[in-house]
N, C-alpha and C. Protein backbone atom coordinates (compact mmCIF):
# COMPACT_ATOMS: atom_id res chain seq x y z
N GLU A 1 160.39 299.53 83.73
CA GLU A 1 161.10 299.32 85.00
C GLU A 1 161.60 297.85 85.02
N GLY A 2 162.84 297.86 85.31
CA GLY A 2 163.51 296.30 85.34
C GLY A 2 162.99 295.42 86.31
N SER A 3 163.19 294.28 86.14
CA SER A 3 162.74 293.18 87.06
C SER A 3 163.78 292.08 87.34
N SER A 4 163.77 291.35 88.29
CA SER A 4 164.63 290.12 88.40
C SER A 4 163.94 289.00 89.06
N PHE A 5 164.42 287.74 88.82
CA PHE A 5 163.74 286.77 89.43
C PHE A 5 164.69 285.56 89.48
N ALA A 6 164.60 284.49 90.28
CA ALA A 6 165.43 283.39 90.33
C ALA A 6 165.30 282.42 89.20
N THR A 7 166.34 282.00 88.75
CA THR A 7 166.53 280.90 87.69
C THR A 7 167.03 279.67 88.25
N ALA A 8 167.32 278.71 87.23
CA ALA A 8 167.91 277.44 87.69
C ALA A 8 169.46 277.54 87.53
N LYS A 9 170.19 276.50 88.11
CA LYS A 9 171.57 276.53 88.02
C LYS A 9 172.17 276.83 86.67
N ASN A 10 173.18 277.62 86.42
CA ASN A 10 173.80 277.96 85.44
C ASN A 10 173.10 278.35 84.35
N THR A 11 171.89 278.97 84.53
CA THR A 11 171.02 279.69 83.40
C THR A 11 171.77 280.81 82.74
N GLY A 12 172.19 280.70 81.61
CA GLY A 12 173.01 281.81 81.10
C GLY A 12 172.85 282.10 79.69
N PHE A 13 172.13 281.16 78.90
CA PHE A 13 172.00 281.44 77.54
C PHE A 13 170.55 281.55 77.31
N GLY A 14 170.05 282.54 76.53
CA GLY A 14 168.57 282.64 76.36
C GLY A 14 168.27 283.81 75.41
N ALA A 15 167.11 283.87 75.10
CA ALA A 15 166.57 284.95 74.12
C ALA A 15 165.23 285.31 74.39
N LEU A 16 164.66 286.48 74.24
CA LEU A 16 163.34 286.93 74.21
C LEU A 16 162.75 286.65 72.88
N ASP A 17 161.54 285.85 72.78
CA ASP A 17 160.67 285.63 71.70
C ASP A 17 159.85 286.91 71.46
N PRO A 18 160.11 287.61 70.39
CA PRO A 18 159.22 288.88 70.26
C PRO A 18 157.76 288.61 69.90
N SER A 19 157.52 287.55 69.33
CA SER A 19 156.04 287.27 69.01
C SER A 19 155.22 286.77 70.05
N THR A 20 155.85 285.98 71.06
CA THR A 20 155.14 285.47 72.16
C THR A 20 155.39 286.13 73.42
N GLY A 21 156.48 286.88 73.58
CA GLY A 21 156.90 287.49 74.75
C GLY A 21 157.55 286.65 75.70
N VAL A 22 157.77 285.41 75.45
CA VAL A 22 158.37 284.39 76.39
C VAL A 22 159.84 284.60 76.27
N LEU A 23 160.56 284.54 77.62
CA LEU A 23 161.91 284.56 77.54
C LEU A 23 162.46 283.16 77.86
N TRP A 24 163.04 282.48 76.83
CA TRP A 24 163.60 281.36 76.70
C TRP A 24 164.85 281.15 77.24
N ALA A 25 165.28 280.21 78.03
CA ALA A 25 166.74 280.01 78.68
C ALA A 25 167.16 278.58 78.87
N ASN A 26 168.35 278.39 78.79
CA ASN A 26 168.78 276.94 79.07
C ASN A 26 168.66 276.77 80.81
N SER A 27 168.45 275.66 80.96
CA SER A 27 168.49 275.37 82.65
C SER A 27 169.35 274.03 82.87
N GLU A 28 170.76 274.38 82.81
CA GLU A 28 171.65 273.26 82.82
C GLU A 28 171.41 272.40 83.86
N GLY A 29 171.14 272.83 85.14
CA GLY A 29 171.10 271.85 86.25
C GLY A 29 169.80 270.92 86.17
N THR A 30 168.76 271.24 85.29
CA THR A 30 167.53 270.39 85.19
C THR A 30 167.55 269.69 83.82
N ALA A 31 168.50 269.84 82.91
CA ALA A 31 168.46 269.35 81.59
C ALA A 31 167.14 269.67 80.81
N GLU A 32 166.81 271.01 81.03
CA GLU A 32 165.44 271.52 80.36
C GLU A 32 165.79 272.86 79.70
N VAL A 33 164.79 273.26 78.86
CA VAL A 33 164.62 274.57 78.39
C VAL A 33 163.38 275.06 79.15
N TRP A 34 163.67 276.30 79.65
CA TRP A 34 162.61 276.85 80.43
C TRP A 34 162.05 278.20 79.69
N GLY A 35 160.87 278.37 79.68
CA GLY A 35 160.06 279.64 79.02
C GLY A 35 159.73 280.43 80.39
N PHE A 36 160.29 281.69 80.58
CA PHE A 36 159.73 282.53 81.62
C PHE A 36 158.86 283.66 81.15
N ASP A 37 158.09 284.03 81.96
CA ASP A 37 157.31 285.34 81.79
C ASP A 37 158.25 286.49 82.35
N PRO A 38 158.92 287.17 81.39
CA PRO A 38 159.79 288.07 81.82
C PRO A 38 159.46 289.22 83.03
N HIS A 39 158.02 289.35 83.13
CA HIS A 39 157.46 290.32 84.00
C HIS A 39 157.54 289.74 85.45
N SER A 40 156.92 288.57 85.49
CA SER A 40 156.58 287.93 86.80
C SER A 40 157.73 286.92 87.27
N GLY A 41 158.60 286.51 86.23
CA GLY A 41 159.52 285.30 86.50
C GLY A 41 158.92 284.01 86.61
N ALA A 42 157.59 283.93 86.43
CA ALA A 42 156.98 282.63 86.42
C ALA A 42 157.43 281.75 85.27
N VAL A 43 157.72 280.45 85.51
CA VAL A 43 158.14 279.49 84.44
C VAL A 43 156.91 279.06 83.64
N GLU A 44 156.72 279.31 82.40
CA GLU A 44 155.46 278.97 81.72
C GLU A 44 155.71 277.81 80.97
N GLU A 45 156.91 277.36 80.63
CA GLU A 45 157.20 276.17 79.85
C GLU A 45 158.42 275.56 80.43
N ARG A 46 158.41 274.20 80.40
CA ARG A 46 159.55 273.22 81.00
C ARG A 46 159.68 272.10 79.86
N ILE A 47 160.76 272.12 79.07
CA ILE A 47 160.87 271.23 77.94
C ILE A 47 162.10 270.40 78.35
N ARG A 48 161.94 269.18 78.48
CA ARG A 48 163.06 268.26 78.93
C ARG A 48 163.71 267.77 77.60
N THR A 49 165.07 267.76 77.59
CA THR A 49 166.00 267.42 76.39
C THR A 49 166.74 266.30 76.71
N GLY A 50 167.01 265.88 78.00
CA GLY A 50 167.78 264.67 78.30
C GLY A 50 169.25 265.06 78.53
N THR A 51 169.76 266.29 78.48
CA THR A 51 171.17 266.59 78.79
C THR A 51 171.16 268.01 79.23
N PHE A 52 172.22 268.22 79.92
CA PHE A 52 172.50 269.79 80.35
C PHE A 52 172.74 270.48 79.11
N LEU A 53 172.22 271.73 79.15
CA LEU A 53 172.21 272.64 77.98
C LEU A 53 173.28 273.73 78.16
N ASP A 54 173.93 274.21 77.16
CA ASP A 54 174.75 275.46 77.39
C ASP A 54 174.59 276.42 76.19
N GLY A 55 173.60 276.15 75.34
CA GLY A 55 173.40 276.98 74.24
C GLY A 55 171.90 277.17 73.88
N LEU A 56 171.53 278.36 73.38
CA LEU A 56 170.11 278.45 72.90
C LEU A 56 170.15 279.58 71.85
N ALA A 57 169.30 279.20 70.74
CA ALA A 57 169.16 280.28 69.68
C ALA A 57 167.71 280.25 69.11
N LEU A 58 167.09 281.44 69.14
CA LEU A 58 165.71 281.46 68.62
C LEU A 58 165.73 281.50 67.14
N ASP A 59 164.71 280.80 66.46
CA ASP A 59 164.35 281.07 65.00
C ASP A 59 163.20 282.05 64.95
N ARG A 60 163.71 283.35 64.63
CA ARG A 60 162.57 284.33 64.66
C ARG A 60 161.68 284.43 63.55
N GLU A 61 161.91 283.43 62.60
CA GLU A 61 160.93 283.43 61.44
C GLU A 61 159.84 282.30 61.70
N VAL A 62 160.12 281.35 62.79
CA VAL A 62 159.20 280.43 63.07
C VAL A 62 158.87 280.48 64.48
N GLU A 63 157.53 281.03 64.66
CA GLU A 63 157.07 281.18 66.04
C GLU A 63 157.16 280.06 66.99
N GLY A 64 157.64 280.21 68.20
CA GLY A 64 157.82 279.16 69.12
C GLY A 64 158.76 278.21 68.94
N THR A 65 159.92 278.56 68.09
CA THR A 65 160.86 277.57 67.75
C THR A 65 162.26 278.07 68.31
N CYS A 66 162.93 277.05 68.86
CA CYS A 66 164.43 277.45 69.29
C CYS A 66 165.23 276.26 69.16
N PHE A 67 166.59 276.45 69.13
CA PHE A 67 167.62 275.43 68.84
C PHE A 67 168.44 275.53 70.16
N VAL A 68 168.80 274.21 70.61
CA VAL A 68 169.48 274.22 72.06
C VAL A 68 170.68 273.16 71.76
N THR A 69 171.86 273.49 72.45
CA THR A 69 173.05 272.51 72.45
C THR A 69 173.37 272.20 73.71
N GLY A 70 173.95 270.90 73.88
CA GLY A 70 174.21 270.28 75.17
C GLY A 70 175.65 270.42 75.60
N ARG A 71 175.80 270.42 76.84
CA ARG A 71 177.15 270.80 77.55
C ARG A 71 177.97 269.32 77.46
N LEU A 72 179.13 269.26 77.05
CA LEU A 72 179.96 268.06 77.11
C LEU A 72 179.21 266.80 76.49
N ALA A 73 178.40 267.34 75.46
CA ALA A 73 177.67 266.14 74.76
C ALA A 73 177.48 266.41 73.26
N ASN A 74 177.01 265.53 72.44
CA ASN A 74 176.76 265.87 71.00
C ASN A 74 175.35 266.18 70.77
N THR A 75 174.72 266.71 71.74
CA THR A 75 173.23 266.98 71.62
C THR A 75 173.11 268.38 70.86
N LEU A 76 172.21 268.33 69.88
CA LEU A 76 171.53 269.42 69.25
C LEU A 76 170.11 269.09 68.98
N ALA A 77 169.28 270.07 69.43
CA ALA A 77 167.86 269.69 69.23
C ALA A 77 167.11 270.97 68.62
N ARG A 78 166.09 270.71 68.00
CA ARG A 78 165.05 271.80 67.60
C ARG A 78 163.79 271.63 68.32
N VAL A 79 163.36 272.70 69.04
CA VAL A 79 162.17 272.67 69.93
C VAL A 79 161.09 273.64 69.33
N GLU A 80 159.98 273.00 69.03
CA GLU A 80 158.88 273.84 68.44
C GLU A 80 157.74 273.62 69.31
N ASP A 81 157.11 274.90 69.79
CA ASP A 81 155.88 274.72 70.70
C ASP A 81 155.97 273.69 71.76
N GLY A 82 157.24 273.71 72.47
CA GLY A 82 157.38 272.94 73.55
C GLY A 82 157.71 271.41 73.19
N VAL A 83 157.94 271.03 71.98
CA VAL A 83 158.21 269.57 71.64
C VAL A 83 159.45 269.68 70.94
N VAL A 84 160.22 268.74 70.99
CA VAL A 84 161.63 268.47 70.39
C VAL A 84 161.09 267.80 69.10
N THR A 85 161.25 268.47 67.93
CA THR A 85 160.87 267.94 66.49
C THR A 85 161.95 267.62 65.84
N ALA A 86 163.18 267.72 66.11
CA ALA A 86 164.37 267.21 65.43
C ALA A 86 165.47 267.13 66.43
N ASP A 87 166.33 266.22 66.26
CA ASP A 87 167.69 266.19 67.10
C ASP A 87 168.81 265.61 66.25
N SER A 88 169.98 265.96 66.66
CA SER A 88 171.08 265.46 65.84
C SER A 88 172.39 265.08 67.04
N ASP A 89 173.11 264.24 66.67
CA ASP A 89 174.43 264.08 67.33
C ASP A 89 175.66 264.06 66.28
N ALA A 90 175.33 264.66 65.14
CA ALA A 90 176.38 264.70 64.15
C ALA A 90 177.66 265.57 64.51
N VAL A 91 177.47 266.52 65.31
CA VAL A 91 178.51 267.51 65.75
C VAL A 91 179.05 267.16 67.03
N PHE A 92 180.27 266.96 67.24
CA PHE A 92 180.94 266.86 68.50
C PHE A 92 180.96 268.05 69.42
N TRP A 93 180.29 268.08 70.47
CA TRP A 93 180.21 269.23 71.42
C TRP A 93 179.73 270.49 70.68
N PRO A 94 178.47 270.52 70.05
CA PRO A 94 178.14 271.79 69.33
C PRO A 94 177.98 272.86 70.34
N PHE A 95 178.35 274.15 69.96
CA PHE A 95 178.38 275.18 70.77
C PHE A 95 178.00 276.56 69.97
N SER A 96 177.47 277.58 70.55
CA SER A 96 177.17 278.76 70.14
C SER A 96 176.26 278.70 68.91
N PRO A 97 175.07 278.25 68.98
CA PRO A 97 174.19 278.06 67.86
C PRO A 97 173.70 279.39 67.15
N VAL A 98 173.78 279.55 65.82
CA VAL A 98 173.40 280.82 65.20
C VAL A 98 172.32 280.28 64.07
N VAL A 99 171.31 281.05 64.01
CA VAL A 99 170.14 280.86 62.96
C VAL A 99 170.53 281.66 61.74
N ASP A 100 170.55 281.13 60.45
CA ASP A 100 170.82 281.88 59.32
C ASP A 100 169.68 281.59 58.42
N THR A 101 168.63 282.38 58.37
CA THR A 101 167.39 282.40 57.63
C THR A 101 167.45 282.32 56.24
N PRO A 102 168.33 283.37 55.61
CA PRO A 102 168.52 283.23 54.19
C PRO A 102 169.16 282.01 53.70
N ARG A 103 169.81 281.40 54.34
CA ARG A 103 170.52 280.21 53.85
C ARG A 103 169.74 278.86 54.36
N ASP A 104 168.80 279.14 55.13
CA ASP A 104 168.10 277.98 55.75
C ASP A 104 169.06 277.02 56.52
N ARG A 105 169.95 277.55 57.29
CA ARG A 105 170.98 276.96 58.07
C ARG A 105 170.76 277.33 59.52
N LEU A 106 171.41 276.21 60.41
CA LEU A 106 171.76 276.50 61.59
C LEU A 106 173.19 276.13 61.77
N TRP A 107 173.94 277.19 62.24
CA TRP A 107 175.45 277.15 62.40
C TRP A 107 175.79 276.87 63.74
N VAL A 108 176.58 275.85 63.92
CA VAL A 108 177.14 275.71 65.40
C VAL A 108 178.66 275.58 65.22
N LEU A 109 179.30 275.86 66.30
CA LEU A 109 180.75 275.65 66.34
C LEU A 109 181.04 274.26 67.17
N SER A 110 181.84 273.39 66.59
CA SER A 110 182.36 272.20 67.31
C SER A 110 183.34 272.78 68.23
N GLN A 111 183.21 272.66 69.64
CA GLN A 111 184.09 273.30 70.45
C GLN A 111 185.43 272.53 70.66
N THR A 112 185.62 271.34 70.28
CA THR A 112 186.77 270.66 70.39
C THR A 112 187.54 270.51 68.98
N GLU A 113 186.67 270.08 67.96
CA GLU A 113 187.28 270.19 66.56
C GLU A 113 187.66 271.63 66.08
N PHE A 114 186.80 272.59 66.58
CA PHE A 114 186.90 273.99 66.11
C PHE A 114 186.76 274.23 64.70
N VAL A 115 185.64 273.51 64.16
CA VAL A 115 185.32 273.68 62.73
C VAL A 115 183.75 274.18 62.91
N ILE A 116 183.21 274.79 61.89
CA ILE A 116 181.90 275.41 61.87
C ILE A 116 181.01 274.41 61.15
N HIS A 117 179.93 274.03 61.60
CA HIS A 117 178.99 273.07 60.96
C HIS A 117 177.74 273.78 60.53
N GLY A 118 177.27 273.67 59.44
CA GLY A 118 175.94 274.12 58.92
C GLY A 118 174.95 273.04 58.73
N LEU A 119 173.77 273.12 59.45
CA LEU A 119 172.83 272.03 59.21
C LEU A 119 171.53 272.59 59.06
N SER A 120 170.56 271.78 58.47
CA SER A 120 169.23 272.34 58.07
C SER A 120 168.43 272.82 59.17
N ARG A 121 167.85 273.94 59.00
CA ARG A 121 166.93 274.37 60.19
C ARG A 121 165.75 273.45 60.41
N THR A 122 165.42 272.77 59.42
CA THR A 122 164.18 271.95 59.48
C THR A 122 164.48 270.56 60.39
N ASP A 123 165.38 269.94 59.78
CA ASP A 123 165.48 268.55 60.40
C ASP A 123 166.89 268.29 60.92
N LEU A 124 167.83 269.39 60.99
CA LEU A 124 169.16 269.23 61.52
C LEU A 124 170.10 268.34 60.73
N GLU A 125 169.77 267.99 59.48
CA GLU A 125 170.70 267.31 58.69
C GLU A 125 171.84 267.98 58.37
N PRO A 126 173.07 267.37 58.39
CA PRO A 126 174.39 268.09 58.01
C PRO A 126 174.32 268.46 56.58
N GLN A 127 174.74 269.73 56.36
CA GLN A 127 174.74 270.37 55.00
C GLN A 127 176.24 270.80 54.62
N GLN A 128 176.98 271.27 55.54
CA GLN A 128 178.14 271.95 55.20
C GLN A 128 179.12 272.11 56.25
N VAL A 129 180.44 271.98 56.18
CA VAL A 129 181.39 272.22 57.21
C VAL A 129 182.46 273.31 56.64
N ILE A 130 182.73 274.17 57.60
CA ILE A 130 183.72 275.27 57.24
C ILE A 130 184.88 275.15 58.27
N ASP A 131 186.13 274.86 57.68
CA ASP A 131 187.26 274.62 58.52
C ASP A 131 188.15 275.81 58.50
N PRO A 132 188.18 276.74 59.44
CA PRO A 132 188.94 277.87 59.43
C PRO A 132 190.47 277.63 59.68
N GLY A 133 190.89 276.32 59.84
CA GLY A 133 192.19 275.92 59.92
C GLY A 133 192.99 276.21 61.19
N LEU A 134 192.17 276.12 62.29
CA LEU A 134 192.83 276.40 63.52
C LEU A 134 193.13 275.27 64.30
N GLY A 135 192.97 274.09 63.82
CA GLY A 135 193.21 272.80 64.53
C GLY A 135 192.26 272.49 65.71
N ARG A 136 192.57 271.34 66.27
CA ARG A 136 191.68 270.97 67.44
C ARG A 136 192.02 271.76 68.61
N SER A 137 190.90 271.93 69.58
CA SER A 137 191.08 272.87 70.71
C SER A 137 191.14 271.80 71.93
N VAL A 138 192.08 271.75 72.79
CA VAL A 138 192.16 270.94 73.97
C VAL A 138 192.18 271.79 75.19
N MET A 139 192.02 273.18 75.15
CA MET A 139 191.80 274.01 76.15
C MET A 139 190.34 274.06 76.72
N LEU A 140 190.32 274.70 77.90
CA LEU A 140 188.97 274.93 78.57
C LEU A 140 188.42 276.29 78.16
N THR A 141 188.87 276.90 77.03
CA THR A 141 188.45 278.25 76.60
C THR A 141 187.45 278.02 75.49
N PHE A 142 186.45 278.81 75.53
CA PHE A 142 185.32 278.65 74.56
C PHE A 142 185.22 279.82 73.73
N GLY A 143 185.02 279.61 72.43
CA GLY A 143 184.79 280.47 71.21
C GLY A 143 183.49 280.90 71.32
N SER A 144 183.00 281.67 70.29
CA SER A 144 181.57 282.02 70.18
C SER A 144 181.43 282.27 68.48
N LEU A 145 180.36 282.28 68.18
CA LEU A 145 179.88 282.42 66.68
C LEU A 145 178.76 283.30 66.47
N VAL A 146 178.85 284.31 65.40
CA VAL A 146 177.64 285.22 65.27
C VAL A 146 177.59 285.41 63.69
N LEU A 147 176.35 285.70 63.35
CA LEU A 147 176.29 285.99 61.85
C LEU A 147 176.04 287.47 61.63
N HIS A 148 176.87 288.10 60.87
CA HIS A 148 176.79 289.51 60.75
C HIS A 148 175.66 290.01 59.78
N PRO A 149 174.60 290.76 60.30
CA PRO A 149 173.31 290.91 59.53
C PRO A 149 173.42 291.75 58.23
N SER A 150 174.44 292.70 58.13
CA SER A 150 174.67 293.27 56.85
C SER A 150 175.66 292.76 56.04
N ARG A 151 176.84 292.26 56.64
CA ARG A 151 177.92 291.70 55.79
C ARG A 151 177.48 290.21 55.31
N ASN A 152 176.61 289.62 56.06
CA ASN A 152 176.11 288.28 55.84
C ASN A 152 177.23 287.36 55.91
N THR A 153 178.13 287.35 56.86
CA THR A 153 179.23 286.54 57.07
C THR A 153 179.35 286.04 58.45
N LEU A 154 179.99 285.03 58.71
CA LEU A 154 180.13 284.53 60.08
C LEU A 154 181.41 285.03 60.87
N PHE A 155 181.18 285.58 62.09
CA PHE A 155 182.39 285.82 62.73
C PHE A 155 182.60 284.92 63.87
N LEU A 156 183.98 284.51 64.09
CA LEU A 156 184.26 283.31 65.02
C LEU A 156 185.34 283.93 65.85
N ALA A 157 185.00 283.78 67.20
CA ALA A 157 185.90 284.38 68.16
C ALA A 157 186.69 283.15 68.62
N ASP A 158 188.13 283.33 68.55
CA ASP A 158 188.93 282.20 69.05
C ASP A 158 189.63 282.61 70.32
N ALA A 159 189.10 282.07 71.29
CA ALA A 159 189.54 282.48 72.68
C ALA A 159 190.92 281.99 72.86
N GLU A 160 191.20 280.90 72.49
CA GLU A 160 192.68 280.29 72.75
C GLU A 160 193.63 281.17 72.20
N ARG A 161 193.41 281.71 71.15
CA ARG A 161 194.61 282.57 70.39
C ARG A 161 194.22 283.98 70.40
N ASP A 162 193.07 284.30 71.03
CA ASP A 162 192.63 285.75 71.21
C ASP A 162 192.48 286.35 69.80
N ARG A 163 191.89 285.86 68.97
CA ARG A 163 191.75 286.30 67.50
C ARG A 163 190.22 286.18 67.02
N LEU A 164 189.92 287.05 66.16
CA LEU A 164 188.58 287.25 65.48
C LEU A 164 188.65 286.74 64.07
N HIS A 165 188.00 285.89 63.63
CA HIS A 165 187.87 285.41 62.14
C HIS A 165 186.58 285.71 61.52
N GLU A 166 186.73 286.04 60.37
CA GLU A 166 185.44 286.24 59.38
C GLU A 166 185.47 285.41 58.34
N SER A 167 184.41 284.53 58.11
CA SER A 167 184.27 283.59 57.15
C SER A 167 182.99 283.76 56.13
N ASP A 168 183.21 283.36 55.03
CA ASP A 168 182.03 283.44 53.99
C ASP A 168 181.41 282.19 54.04
N PRO A 169 180.13 282.03 54.44
CA PRO A 169 179.45 280.95 54.61
C PRO A 169 179.08 280.17 53.27
N ASP A 170 179.19 280.82 52.19
CA ASP A 170 179.01 280.28 50.86
C ASP A 170 180.21 279.54 50.40
N SER A 171 181.37 280.13 50.42
CA SER A 171 182.53 279.49 49.96
C SER A 171 183.37 278.88 50.98
N GLY A 172 183.17 279.17 52.29
CA GLY A 172 183.79 278.61 53.31
C GLY A 172 185.20 279.29 53.66
N ALA A 173 185.59 280.34 52.71
CA ALA A 173 186.78 280.81 52.83
C ALA A 173 186.91 281.95 53.99
N THR A 174 188.11 281.96 54.64
CA THR A 174 188.36 282.94 55.66
C THR A 174 188.63 284.26 54.86
N LEU A 175 187.83 285.29 55.35
CA LEU A 175 187.96 286.74 54.65
C LEU A 175 188.96 287.58 55.28
N GLN A 176 188.88 287.45 56.59
CA GLN A 176 189.83 288.32 57.41
C GLN A 176 190.07 287.78 58.74
N THR A 177 191.23 288.01 59.40
CA THR A 177 191.50 287.66 60.76
C THR A 177 192.01 288.90 61.48
N TRP A 178 191.71 289.20 62.80
CA TRP A 178 192.21 290.15 63.56
C TRP A 178 192.69 289.52 64.79
N ASP A 179 194.04 289.92 65.18
CA ASP A 179 194.59 289.62 66.41
C ASP A 179 194.09 290.70 67.41
N LEU A 180 193.52 290.27 68.50
CA LEU A 180 192.98 291.23 69.47
C LEU A 180 193.95 291.66 70.55
N GLY A 181 195.13 291.19 70.45
CA GLY A 181 196.21 291.66 71.40
C GLY A 181 196.42 291.11 72.71
N GLY A 182 195.44 290.16 73.05
CA GLY A 182 195.79 289.49 74.32
C GLY A 182 196.80 288.46 74.42
N PRO A 183 197.12 287.88 75.39
CA PRO A 183 198.14 286.75 75.52
C PRO A 183 197.57 285.45 75.22
N LEU A 184 198.37 284.66 74.42
CA LEU A 184 197.95 283.33 74.24
C LEU A 184 197.70 282.54 75.58
N ILE A 185 196.81 281.55 75.46
CA ILE A 185 196.39 280.88 76.67
C ILE A 185 197.13 279.58 76.44
N GLU A 186 197.98 279.03 77.30
CA GLU A 186 198.91 277.81 77.19
C GLU A 186 198.34 276.81 78.29
N ASP A 187 197.95 277.38 79.42
CA ASP A 187 197.59 276.47 80.52
C ASP A 187 196.21 275.87 80.27
N PRO A 188 196.33 274.54 80.17
CA PRO A 188 195.02 273.73 79.93
C PRO A 188 193.91 273.84 81.08
N ASN A 189 194.38 274.32 82.26
CA ASN A 189 193.33 274.42 83.34
C ASN A 189 192.81 275.78 83.39
N VAL A 190 193.09 276.74 82.60
CA VAL A 190 192.41 278.06 82.49
C VAL A 190 191.05 277.78 81.86
N ASN A 191 190.19 278.45 82.52
CA ASN A 191 188.90 278.43 81.77
C ASN A 191 188.42 279.74 81.45
N GLY A 192 187.90 280.09 80.38
CA GLY A 192 187.41 281.24 79.84
C GLY A 192 186.70 281.29 78.59
N GLN A 193 186.07 282.34 78.31
CA GLN A 193 185.31 282.41 76.95
C GLN A 193 185.49 283.80 76.26
N LEU A 194 185.60 283.88 74.96
CA LEU A 194 185.70 285.07 74.19
C LEU A 194 184.49 285.13 73.49
N LEU A 195 183.57 286.24 73.90
CA LEU A 195 182.28 286.43 73.15
C LEU A 195 182.32 287.30 72.07
N VAL A 196 181.80 287.27 71.01
CA VAL A 196 181.63 288.24 69.94
C VAL A 196 180.15 288.63 69.76
N ARG A 197 179.69 289.92 69.71
CA ARG A 197 178.56 290.47 69.46
C ARG A 197 178.48 291.49 68.41
N ILE A 198 177.41 291.37 67.66
CA ILE A 198 177.21 292.45 66.63
C ILE A 198 176.11 293.28 66.95
N HIS A 199 176.50 294.69 66.86
CA HIS A 199 175.43 295.56 67.13
C HIS A 199 175.28 296.37 65.80
N ALA A 200 174.19 296.06 65.07
CA ALA A 200 173.97 296.80 63.75
C ALA A 200 172.59 297.21 63.48
């Protein structure tokens, strides 16, 4: 049976840790990562990162570990068992974190530069940059990034141009591009997001 419970302001990015049963989520209004009991709604963990958060990804290979990104900030942090074990300001406004276990990478999208950065899952040291050639983004539109589990490639949703791009993380090459048919967004005051999700 489903359940619902109150969260903090702008809580919208999170994931269920299958090993611990904790529902981790960003809590933008408190600058914390919160761990919820998904049955009772009780907050079991509160981890302060020092900035408003807008992204979260679990490392499913390392129990109790997640990665969080900051809103309007260069903040990127690795949180393990309630403690920030690594942080980085190497990426300008990191967005949409993706864990790539086979390559030992954390991928994030720079929201304004619109390039993909690959960092070490352990210490968040920069390892790789993939430039899909889209140029800087000055709009209030947000893309998203996902790793396809069977193709082993990165899919980037470009909200500003309403396109989907597939990139090879090893070579950095763009493999395919799909125009999704929507209108171009030219008004810098328009706010929106194009999400890509893989069901495989």
